[in-house]
Amino acid sequence: MAFLKTILIILLVYYLLKILARWFAPKIFSYAAKKTEERFRENFGGFSQQTQTNEEKVGDVIIDKKPSKKPSSSKKVGEYIEFEELD
């Protein structure tokens, strides 16, 4: 008889948790999504401000860094060694 009561209590708790999960899971997930979106906007909000300033200067040429003019290296690094197969 005690075994039957234990099985019934386990089933009752299982179905009760299942029903509660159906009711509250969407609310919990939407709350988590909103918080994640807020953190994302806080972290990456600066990028939208940079694009707005760039849009105001359409047509202007801006050079951030002068390219360095290094002579192309034409000196040989090593010798070419030709190997022959021996039979």
PDB file of N, CA and C in Angstrom:
ATOM      1  N   MET A   1       0.819  -1.195   0.000  1.00  0.00           N
ATOM      2  CA  MET A   1       0.000   0.000   0.000  1.00  0.00           C
ATOM      3  C   MET A   1       0.871   1.272   0.000  1.00  0.00           C
ATOM      4  N   ALA A   2       1.981   1.234   0.734  1.00  0.00           N
ATOM      5  CA  ALA A   2       2.870   2.383   0.791  1.00  0.00           C
ATOM      6  C   ALA A   2       3.509   2.623  -0.573  1.00  0.00           C
ATOM      7  N   PHE A   3       3.799   1.542  -1.285  1.00  0.00           N
ATOM      8  CA  PHE A   3       4.374   1.657  -2.626  1.00  0.00           C
ATOM      9  C   PHE A   3       3.415   2.368  -3.570  1.00  0.00           C
ATOM     10  N   LEU A   4       2.146   2.032  -3.483  1.00  0.00           N
ATOM     11  CA  LEU A   4       1.124   2.648  -4.338  1.00  0.00           C
ATOM     12  C   LEU A   4       0.983   4.144  -4.028  1.00  0.00           C
ATOM     13  N   LYS A   5       1.032   4.520  -2.734  1.00  0.00           N
ATOM     14  CA  LYS A   5       0.957   5.928  -2.365  1.00  0.00           C
ATOM     15  C   LYS A   5       2.156   6.702  -2.911  1.00  0.00           C
ATOM     16  N   THR A   6       3.329   6.091  -2.842  1.00  0.00           N
ATOM     17  CA  THR A   6       4.542   6.740  -3.338  1.00  0.00           C
ATOM     18  C   THR A   6       4.446   6.982  -4.839  1.00  0.00           C
ATOM     19  N   ILE A   7       3.985   5.986  -5.566  1.00  0.00           N
ATOM     20  CA  ILE A   7       3.820   6.129  -7.023  1.00  0.00           C
ATOM     21  C   ILE A   7       2.813   7.226  -7.339  1.00  0.00           C
ATOM     22  N   LEU A   8       1.700   7.266  -6.618  1.00  0.00           N
ATOM     23  CA  LEU A   8       0.680   8.296  -6.864  1.00  0.00           C
ATOM     24  C   LEU A   8       1.212   9.696  -6.545  1.00  0.00           C
ATOM     25  N   ILE A   9       1.986   9.845  -5.485  1.00  0.00           N
ATOM     26  CA  ILE A   9       2.551  11.149  -5.135  1.00  0.00           C
ATOM     27  C   ILE A   9       3.544  11.596  -6.201  1.00  0.00           C
ATOM     28  N   ILE A  10       4.371  10.684  -6.679  1.00  0.00           N
ATOM     29  CA  ILE A  10       5.335  11.016  -7.732  1.00  0.00           C
ATOM     30  C   ILE A  10       4.613  11.459  -9.004  1.00  0.00           C
ATOM     31  N   LEU A  11       3.573  10.750  -9.395  1.00  0.00           N
ATOM     32  CA  LEU A  11       2.804  11.125 -10.586  1.00  0.00           C
ATOM     33  C   LEU A  11       2.108  12.473 -10.404  1.00  0.00           C
ATOM     34  N   LEU A  12       1.561  12.695  -9.201  1.00  0.00           N
ATOM     35  CA  LEU A  12       0.889  13.966  -8.931  1.00  0.00           C
ATOM     36  C   LEU A  12       1.875  15.132  -9.021  1.00  0.00           C
ATOM     37  N   VAL A  13       3.030  14.984  -8.430  1.00  0.00           N
ATOM     38  CA  VAL A  13       4.047  16.038  -8.490  1.00  0.00           C
ATOM     39  C   VAL A  13       4.502  16.241  -9.926  1.00  0.00           C
ATOM     40  N   TYR A  14       4.693  15.163 -10.675  1.00  0.00           N
ATOM     41  CA  TYR A  14       5.126  15.269 -12.070  1.00  0.00           C
ATOM     42  C   TYR A  14       4.126  16.071 -12.899  1.00  0.00           C
ATOM     43  N   TYR A  15       2.844  15.735 -12.798  1.00  0.00           N
ATOM     44  CA  TYR A  15       1.847  16.445 -13.591  1.00  0.00           C
ATOM     45  C   TYR A  15       1.645  17.874 -13.104  1.00  0.00           C
ATOM     46  N   LEU A  16       1.797  18.102 -11.806  1.00  0.00           N
ATOM     47  CA  LEU A  16       1.682  19.454 -11.287  1.00  0.00           C
ATOM     48  C   LEU A  16       2.813  20.339 -11.822  1.00  0.00           C
ATOM     49  N   LEU A  17       4.046  19.816 -11.831  1.00  0.00           N
ATOM     50  CA  LEU A  17       5.162  20.563 -12.400  1.00  0.00           C
ATOM     51  C   LEU A  17       4.996  20.785 -13.895  1.00  0.00           C
ATOM     52  N   LYS A  18       4.435  19.818 -14.565  1.00  0.00           N
ATOM     53  CA  LYS A  18       4.197  19.953 -16.006  1.00  0.00           C
ATOM     54  C   LYS A  18       3.205  21.077 -16.298  1.00  0.00           C
ATOM     55  N   ILE A  19       2.148  21.155 -15.518  1.00  0.00           N
ATOM     56  CA  ILE A  19       1.136  22.204 -15.705  1.00  0.00           C
ATOM     57  C   ILE A  19       1.726  23.580 -15.363  1.00  0.00           C
ATOM     58  N   LEU A  20       2.471  23.652 -14.260  1.00  0.00           N
ATOM     59  CA  LEU A  20       3.077  24.926 -13.876  1.00  0.00           C
ATOM     60  C   LEU A  20       4.102  25.389 -14.914  1.00  0.00           C
ATOM     61  N   ALA A  21       4.824  24.466 -15.494  1.00  0.00           N
ATOM     62  CA  ALA A  21       5.795  24.823 -16.526  1.00  0.00           C
ATOM     63  C   ALA A  21       5.100  25.390 -17.758  1.00  0.00           C
ATOM     64  N   ARG A  22       3.958  24.855 -18.101  1.00  0.00           N
ATOM     65  CA  ARG A  22       3.207  25.390 -19.254  1.00  0.00           C
ATOM     66  C   ARG A  22       2.735  26.813 -19.002  1.00  0.00           C
ATOM     67  N   TRP A  23       2.388  27.106 -17.768  1.00  0.00           N
ATOM     68  CA  TRP A  23       1.890  28.443 -17.457  1.00  0.00           C
ATOM     69  C   TRP A  23       3.012  29.470 -17.340  1.00  0.00           C
ATOM     70  N   PHE A  24       4.109  29.090 -16.677  1.00  0.00           N
ATOM     71  CA  PHE A  24       5.121  30.071 -16.339  1.00  0.00           C
ATOM     72  C   PHE A  24       6.340  30.070 -17.252  1.00  0.00           C
ATOM     73  N   ALA A  25       6.552  29.036 -18.018  1.00  0.00           N
ATOM     74  CA  ALA A  25       7.741  28.988 -18.884  1.00  0.00           C
ATOM     75  C   ALA A  25       7.751  30.120 -19.924  1.00  0.00           C
ATOM     76  N   PRO A  26       6.649  30.409 -20.598  1.00  0.00           N
ATOM     77  CA  PRO A  26       6.692  31.523 -21.565  1.00  0.00           C
ATOM     78  C   PRO A  26       7.029  32.860 -20.911  1.00  0.00           C
ATOM     79  N   LYS A  27       6.539  33.096 -19.709  1.00  0.00           N
ATOM     80  CA  LYS A  27       6.836  34.349 -19.026  1.00  0.00           C
ATOM     81  C   LYS A  27       8.308  34.422 -18.630  1.00  0.00           C
ATOM     82  N   ILE A  28       8.844  33.296 -18.174  1.00  0.00           N
ATOM     83  CA  ILE A  28      10.249  33.265 -17.783  1.00  0.00           C
ATOM     84  C   ILE A  28      11.141  33.473 -18.999  1.00  0.00           C
ATOM     85  N   PHE A  29      10.819  32.824 -20.111  1.00  0.00           N
ATOM     86  CA  PHE A  29      11.621  32.971 -21.322  1.00  0.00           C
ATOM     87  C   PHE A  29      11.541  34.383 -21.893  1.00  0.00           C
ATOM     88  N   SER A  30      10.373  34.996 -21.858  1.00  0.00           N
ATOM     89  CA  SER A  30      10.266  36.362 -22.371  1.00  0.00           C
ATOM     90  C   SER A  30      11.043  37.336 -21.480  1.00  0.00           C
ATOM     91  N   TYR A  31      11.024  37.111 -20.171  1.00  0.00           N
ATOM     92  CA  TYR A  31      11.809  37.950 -19.257  1.00  0.00           C
ATOM     93  C   TYR A  31      13.302  37.805 -19.545  1.00  0.00           C
ATOM     94  N   ALA A  32      13.751  36.573 -19.740  1.00  0.00           N
ATOM     95  CA  ALA A  32      15.167  36.339 -20.039  1.00  0.00           C
ATOM     96  C   ALA A  32      15.548  36.974 -21.378  1.00  0.00           C
ATOM     97  N   ALA A  33      14.663  36.898 -22.361  1.00  0.00           N
ATOM     98  CA  ALA A  33      14.950  37.498 -23.671  1.00  0.00           C
ATOM     99  C   ALA A  33      15.048  39.016 -23.566  1.00  0.00           C
ATOM    100  N   LYS A  34      14.184  39.624 -22.777  1.00  0.00           N
ATOM    101  CA  LYS A  34      14.236  41.082 -22.604  1.00  0.00           C
ATOM    102  C   LYS A  34      15.526  41.508 -21.925  1.00  0.00           C
ATOM    103  N   LYS A  35      15.930  40.768 -20.894  1.00  0.00           N
ATOM    104  CA  LYS A  35      17.170  41.101 -20.194  1.00  0.00           C
ATOM    105  C   LYS A  35      18.379  40.934 -21.115  1.00  0.00           C
ATOM    106  N   THR A  36      18.384  39.883 -21.913  1.00  0.00           N
ATOM    107  CA  THR A  36      19.481  39.664 -22.850  1.00  0.00           C
ATOM    108  C   THR A  36      19.530  40.776 -23.885  1.00  0.00           C
ATOM    109  N   GLU A  37      18.379  41.198 -24.366  1.00  0.00           N
ATOM    110  CA  GLU A  37      18.329  42.286 -25.341  1.00  0.00           C
ATOM    111  C   GLU A  37      18.838  43.590 -24.736  1.00  0.00           C
ATOM    112  N   GLU A  38      18.483  43.848 -23.484  1.00  0.00           N
ATOM    113  CA  GLU A  38      18.965  45.064 -22.823  1.00  0.00           C
ATOM    114  C   GLU A  38      20.487  45.051 -22.683  1.00  0.00           C
ATOM    115  N   ARG A  39      21.038  43.907 -22.279  1.00  0.00           N
ATOM    116  CA  ARG A  39      22.493  43.803 -22.147  1.00  0.00           C
ATOM    117  C   ARG A  39      23.170  43.964 -23.493  1.00  0.00           C
ATOM    118  N   PHE A  40      22.570  43.397 -24.535  1.00  0.00           N
ATOM    119  CA  PHE A  40      23.128  43.517 -25.877  1.00  0.00           C
ATOM    120  C   PHE A  40      23.135  44.977 -26.324  1.00  0.00           C
ATOM    121  N   ARG A  41      22.057  45.683 -26.069  1.00  0.00           N
ATOM    122  CA  ARG A  41      21.988  47.097 -26.457  1.00  0.00           C
ATOM    123  C   ARG A  41      22.981  47.945 -25.662  1.00  0.00           C
ATOM    124  N   GLU A  42      23.190  47.613 -24.381  1.00  0.00           N
ATOM    125  CA  GLU A  42      24.172  48.347 -23.577  1.00  0.00           C
ATOM    126  C   GLU A  42      25.585  48.120 -24.103  1.00  0.00           C
ATOM    127  N   ASN A  43      25.896  46.875 -24.432  1.00  0.00           N
ATOM    128  CA  ASN A  43      27.252  46.555 -24.878  1.00  0.00           C
ATOM    129  C   ASN A  43      27.555  47.088 -26.265  1.00  0.00           C
ATOM    130  N   PHE A  44      26.592  47.022 -27.165  1.00  0.00           N
ATOM    131  CA  PHE A  44      26.838  47.379 -28.553  1.00  0.00           C
ATOM    132  C   PHE A  44      26.117  48.649 -28.980  1.00  0.00           C
ATOM    133  N   GLY A  45      25.690  49.445 -28.050  1.00  0.00           N
ATOM    134  CA  GLY A  45      24.999  50.691 -28.368  1.00  0.00           C
ATOM    135  C   GLY A  45      25.919  51.728 -28.973  1.00  0.00           C
ATOM    136  N   GLY A  46      27.205  51.674 -28.683  1.00  0.00           N
ATOM    137  CA  GLY A  46      28.159  52.652 -29.197  1.00  0.00           C
ATOM    138  C   GLY A  46      28.343  52.567 -30.696  1.00  0.00           C
ATOM    139  N   PHE A  47      28.117  51.392 -31.267  1.00  0.00           N
ATOM    140  CA  PHE A  47      28.294  51.235 -32.708  1.00  0.00           C
ATOM    141  C   PHE A  47      27.269  52.032 -33.494  1.00  0.00           C
ATOM    142  N   SER A  48      26.060  52.126 -32.995  1.00  0.00           N
ATOM    143  CA  SER A  48      25.044  52.888 -33.720  1.00  0.00           C
ATOM    144  C   SER A  48      25.377  54.373 -33.705  1.00  0.00           C
ATOM    145  N   GLN A  49      25.991  54.851 -32.632  1.00  0.00           N
ATOM    146  CA  GLN A  49      26.374  56.262 -32.577  1.00  0.00           C
ATOM    147  C   GLN A  49      27.500  56.553 -33.554  1.00  0.00           C
ATOM    148  N   GLN A  50      28.417  55.626 -33.741  1.00  0.00           N
ATOM    149  CA  GLN A  50      29.506  55.830 -34.685  1.00  0.00           C
ATOM    150  C   GLN A  50      28.993  55.871 -36.109  1.00  0.00           C
ATOM    151  N   THR A  51      28.028  55.031 -36.427  1.00  0.00           N
ATOM    152  CA  THR A  51      27.515  55.027 -37.790  1.00  0.00           C
ATOM    153  C   THR A  51      26.754  56.311 -38.094  1.00  0.00           C
ATOM    154  N   GLN A  52      26.119  56.907 -37.090  1.00  0.00           N
ATOM    155  CA  GLN A  52      25.407  58.156 -37.322  1.00  0.00           C
ATOM    156  C   GLN A  52      26.378  59.279 -37.655  1.00  0.00           C
ATOM    157  N   THR A  53      27.526  59.329 -36.995  1.00  0.00           N
ATOM    158  CA  THR A  53      28.484  60.386 -37.306  1.00  0.00           C
ATOM    159  C   THR A  53      29.105  60.162 -38.672  1.00  0.00           C
ATOM    160  N   ASN A  54      29.281  58.901 -39.073  1.00  0.00           N
ATOM    161  CA  ASN A  54      29.825  58.623 -40.393  1.00  0.00           C
ATOM    162  C   ASN A  54      28.836  58.985 -41.494  1.00  0.00           C
ATOM    163  N   GLU A  55      27.556  58.844 -41.224  1.00  0.00           N
ATOM    164  CA  GLU A  55      26.545  59.171 -42.229  1.00  0.00           C
ATOM    165  C   GLU A  55      26.485  60.680 -42.479  1.00  0.00           C
ATOM    166  N   GLU A  56      26.843  61.476 -41.495  1.00  0.00           N
ATOM    167  CA  GLU A  56      26.813  62.916 -41.666  1.00  0.00           C
ATOM    168  C   GLU A  56      27.920  63.391 -42.602  1.00  0.00           C
ATOM    169  N   LYS A  57      28.987  62.635 -42.690  1.00  0.00           N
ATOM    170  CA  LYS A  57      30.129  63.030 -43.489  1.00  0.00           C
ATOM    171  C   LYS A  57      30.201  62.236 -44.790  1.00  0.00           C
ATOM    172  N   VAL A  58      29.108  62.086 -45.448  1.00  0.00           N
ATOM    173  CA  VAL A  58      29.095  61.331 -46.694  1.00  0.00           C
ATOM    174  C   VAL A  58      29.863  62.112 -47.749  1.00  0.00           C
ATOM    175  N   GLY A  59      30.817  61.459 -48.409  1.00  0.00           N
ATOM    176  CA  GLY A  59      31.592  62.082 -49.466  1.00  0.00           C
ATOM    177  C   GLY A  59      32.952  62.567 -49.015  1.00  0.00           C
ATOM    178  N   ASP A  60      33.166  62.706 -47.726  1.00  0.00           N
ATOM    179  CA  ASP A  60      34.480  63.117 -47.227  1.00  0.00           C
ATOM    180  C   ASP A  60      35.430  61.933 -47.247  1.00  0.00           C
ATOM    181  N   VAL A  61      36.681  62.218 -47.557  1.00  0.00           N
ATOM    182  CA  VAL A  61      37.708  61.191 -47.559  1.00  0.00           C
ATOM    183  C   VAL A  61      38.514  61.325 -46.282  1.00  0.00           C
ATOM    184  N   ILE A  62      38.550  60.243 -45.509  1.00  0.00           N
ATOM    185  CA  ILE A  62      39.272  60.263 -44.248  1.00  0.00           C
ATOM    186  C   ILE A  62      40.322  59.167 -44.290  1.00  0.00           C
ATOM    187  N   ILE A  63      41.569  59.551 -44.047  1.00  0.00           N
ATOM    188  CA  ILE A  63      42.653  58.580 -44.001  1.00  0.00           C
ATOM    189  C   ILE A  63      43.100  58.480 -42.555  1.00  0.00           C
ATOM    190  N   ASP A  64      42.896  57.314 -41.957  1.00  0.00           N
ATOM    191  CA  ASP A  64      43.251  57.132 -40.565  1.00  0.00           C
ATOM    192  C   ASP A  64      44.746  56.933 -40.377  1.00  0.00           C
ATOM    193  N   LYS A  65      45.382  56.236 -41.300  1.00  0.00           N
ATOM    194  CA  LYS A  65      46.773  55.869 -41.117  1.00  0.00           C
ATOM    195  C   LYS A  65      47.483  55.917 -42.456  1.00  0.00           C
ATOM    196  N   LYS A  66      48.637  56.506 -42.459  1.00  0.00           N
ATOM    197  CA  LYS A  66      49.413  56.586 -43.682  1.00  0.00           C
ATOM    198  C   LYS A  66      50.050  55.224 -43.942  1.00  0.00           C
ATOM    199  N   PRO A  67      49.859  54.690 -45.122  1.00  0.00           N
ATOM    200  CA  PRO A  67      50.454  53.382 -45.398  1.00  0.00           C
ATOM    201  C   PRO A  67      51.972  53.488 -45.444  1.00  0.00           C
ATOM    202  N   SER A  68      52.614  52.521 -44.848  1.00  0.00           N
ATOM    203  CA  SER A  68      54.079  52.536 -44.844  1.00  0.00           C
ATOM    204  C   SER A  68      54.585  52.004 -46.182  1.00  0.00           C
ATOM    205  N   LYS A  69      55.613  52.661 -46.703  1.00  0.00           N
ATOM    206  CA  LYS A  69      56.173  52.251 -47.991  1.00  0.00           C
ATOM    207  C   LYS A  69      57.447  51.462 -47.732  1.00  0.00           C
ATOM    208  N   LYS A  70      57.271  50.192 -47.529  1.00  0.00           N
ATOM    209  CA  LYS A  70      58.432  49.324 -47.327  1.00  0.00           C
ATOM    210  C   LYS A  70      58.858  48.795 -48.686  1.00  0.00           C
ATOM    211  N   PRO A  71      60.155  48.836 -48.970  1.00  0.00           N
ATOM    212  CA  PRO A  71      60.593  48.258 -50.238  1.00  0.00           C
ATOM    213  C   PRO A  71      60.361  46.746 -50.211  1.00  0.00           C
ATOM    214  N   SER A  72      59.888  46.263 -51.326  1.00  0.00           N
ATOM    215  CA  SER A  72      59.617  44.826 -51.373  1.00  0.00           C
ATOM    216  C   SER A  72      60.933  44.068 -51.285  1.00  0.00           C
ATOM    217  N   SER A  73      60.946  43.093 -50.470  1.00  0.00           N
ATOM    218  CA  SER A  73      62.156  42.329 -50.209  1.00  0.00           C
ATOM    219  C   SER A  73      62.429  41.393 -51.383  1.00  0.00           C
ATOM    220  N   SER A  74      63.536  41.642 -52.089  1.00  0.00           N
ATOM    221  CA  SER A  74      63.876  40.792 -53.221  1.00  0.00           C
ATOM    222  C   SER A  74      65.086  39.921 -52.939  1.00  0.00           C
ATOM    223  N   LYS A  75      65.613  40.039 -51.730  1.00  0.00           N
ATOM    224  CA  LYS A  75      66.778  39.216 -51.462  1.00  0.00           C
ATOM    225  C   LYS A  75      66.334  37.791 -51.160  1.00  0.00           C
ATOM    226  N   LYS A  76      67.196  36.862 -51.519  1.00  0.00           N
ATOM    227  CA  LYS A  76      66.850  35.458 -51.373  1.00  0.00           C
ATOM    228  C   LYS A  76      67.009  35.038 -49.919  1.00  0.00           C
ATOM    229  N   VAL A  77      66.106  34.217 -49.507  1.00  0.00           N
ATOM    230  CA  VAL A  77      66.129  33.732 -48.144  1.00  0.00           C
ATOM    231  C   VAL A  77      67.084  32.550 -48.024  1.00  0.00           C
ATOM    232  N   GLY A  78      67.133  31.721 -49.036  1.00  0.00           N
ATOM    233  CA  GLY A  78      67.996  30.556 -48.983  1.00  0.00           C
ATOM    234  C   GLY A  78      68.298  30.053 -50.379  1.00  0.00           C
ATOM    235  N   GLU A  79      69.002  28.958 -50.456  1.00  0.00           N
ATOM    236  CA  GLU A  79      69.351  28.375 -51.748  1.00  0.00           C
ATOM    237  C   GLU A  79      68.330  27.321 -52.137  1.00  0.00           C
ATOM    238  N   TYR A  80      68.215  27.122 -53.430  1.00  0.00           N
ATOM    239  CA  TYR A  80      67.375  26.046 -53.931  1.00  0.00           C
ATOM    240  C   TYR A  80      68.258  24.817 -54.107  1.00  0.00           C
ATOM    241  N   ILE A  81      67.854  23.755 -53.472  1.00  0.00           N
ATOM    242  CA  ILE A  81      68.625  22.509 -53.559  1.00  0.00           C
ATOM    243  C   ILE A  81      67.808  21.490 -54.322  1.00  0.00           C
ATOM    244  N   GLU A  82      68.363  20.964 -55.364  1.00  0.00           N
ATOM    245  CA  GLU A  82      67.658  19.967 -56.156  1.00  0.00           C
ATOM    246  C   GLU A  82      68.079  18.568 -55.683  1.00  0.00           C
ATOM    247  N   PHE A  83      67.094  17.785 -55.355  1.00  0.00           N
ATOM    248  CA  PHE A  83      67.344  16.429 -54.885  1.00  0.00           C
ATOM    249  C   PHE A  83      67.120  15.454 -56.031  1.00  0.00           C
ATOM    250  N   GLU A  84      67.922  14.450 -56.102  1.00  0.00           N
ATOM    251  CA  GLU A  84      67.770  13.411 -57.112  1.00  0.00           C
ATOM    252  C   GLU A  84      67.481  12.089 -56.415  1.00  0.00           C
ATOM    253  N   GLU A  85      66.624  11.320 -57.058  1.00  0.00           N
ATOM    254  CA  GLU A  85      66.327   9.999 -56.509  1.00  0.00           C
ATOM    255  C   GLU A  85      67.409   9.017 -56.915  1.00  0.00           C
ATOM    256  N   LEU A  86      67.792   8.201 -55.978  1.00  0.00           N
ATOM    257  CA  LEU A  86      68.787   7.145 -56.264  1.00  0.00           C
ATOM    258  C   LEU A  86      68.074   5.818 -56.392  1.00  0.00           C
ATOM    259  N   ASP A  87      68.436   5.077 -57.422  1.00  0.00           N
ATOM    260  CA  ASP A  87      67.821   3.760 -57.592  1.00  0.00           C
ATOM    261  C   ASP A  87      68.596   2.684 -56.888  1.00  0.00           C
TER     262      ASP A  87
END
